[in-house]
C-alpha cells in the first residue's frame, strides 16, 4: 500500500482516537484562526497523560498482545531507578528511530507514539506487513521519565553542576549527545543511554519530538509545529539532504491531513544537540517542535499531528516515497514568527 493510502487510514484512526480534534478554538485578539488557540483556563490535564507506571503497563500490554511482533527492552535507568523504554517493531533493513520526551514537560508525542506502536504491532493487516517488511521501527518512548514525573524540562539531578545544569533540578539532556563524548563520561544517564543506543543500533532515520512555545506566522496564523534538520557544519551534505526530505514530508503531511501551520525552528549548531549528533553519526535527522502552552482541545489536535507524522515517516521510508522528495523544498518552509501569549 502506498504511503498516501496509509496516511488516509491513519488519519481516520487518529480522528476516531482523539476527542475534540474538530472543535473550534477561539483566536486571541489580533490573530487569524490558524489552529487551536486555548486560553490559560483550559490547560491540559496531566491526569489525561500516561504516568510512568501507566506507560510501562501500556507498553507491556502492547507487547503481550502483539503476538511477538513488538520487542520491549530497557536501554538504561535514570537517577531515580526508572527504566528508559525502547520498543521495536518490524523486520526490515531500514531502521527508523523516534525519540519522545527528552524534556519531561513536553508530553504529547509520547501519547502519539503509543498509538503508533499499538497500531503497527496490534494488527496483521497487509498494509502494516508492507511497512514492517521494509523497515524496523524503534521508539524511545519517553527518554526522560524522571523529569516527566515532576513535569520539568530537566532530568532529576539536584546535585548537578556545569554546563546546561539548572541548579537544584537537573541537566538538559538534549545538550549531552556529542559524538566525541564517551558514553562512560556522560554525566546524564538518560543521554548516555540514548548515546549508546544510537551507536549500537545505527538508525538510518531519526526524528526527535519536542514542544515549543506559541508563535504566529507573518500573517498572524498560529504555528502548530516547527522543524529543523542538522545545522552543524560537519554533517555530511547527503545527510542534510536526507534530513530536509524528512522536513518536506512532515510539512506536506500535517498540511494535508492535520491542518497545521509549519515553520522553521531557530536552533543552534552545537554537536551535543540530538538532531546534530544524529546527523554527525550518519542518520538523517529531524527535530519536530509542537506548539506548547496548550489546552485540552489542542492536546488532542497535536497528538493527531504527531501520530500522522510518525505514520508518514514509517510508510515513506518503507515504500521509498520519502526518498523521492525534493530536499530543496525544505528551504521554502517559513521562518518562525513572534512569540505570543494568551494561549
Foldseek 3Di string as FASTA:
>chain_A
DALVVLLVVLLVVLVVVFPLQPPDADDDPPFDEQAHFDFLVQAADPVVADALVRLVVLVVVLCVQLVNQKDKDFLFAFPVGRGFIKIKGADAPAEEEEEEALFQLFGQLLVLVSVLSSVLSNDPDPLSNLLRPHYMYMYRRHLANQNNVVNGGAHADQPDDDPQADHHGHHRLQQAQQLVDDLVPGPGRSNSSVNVCCVVVVHQAYEYEGADAWFADPNRYTAFKEKDAADAPQFDVVLRLLLLLLVVLLVVQCVVSLSGQYAHDPDDHDRSRVRNVSRNSNHNYMYMYGYDPDGSSNSSSSSSSSNSSVSSVSSCSSVVVSVVDGSVVSVVGHHTHDGDDRD
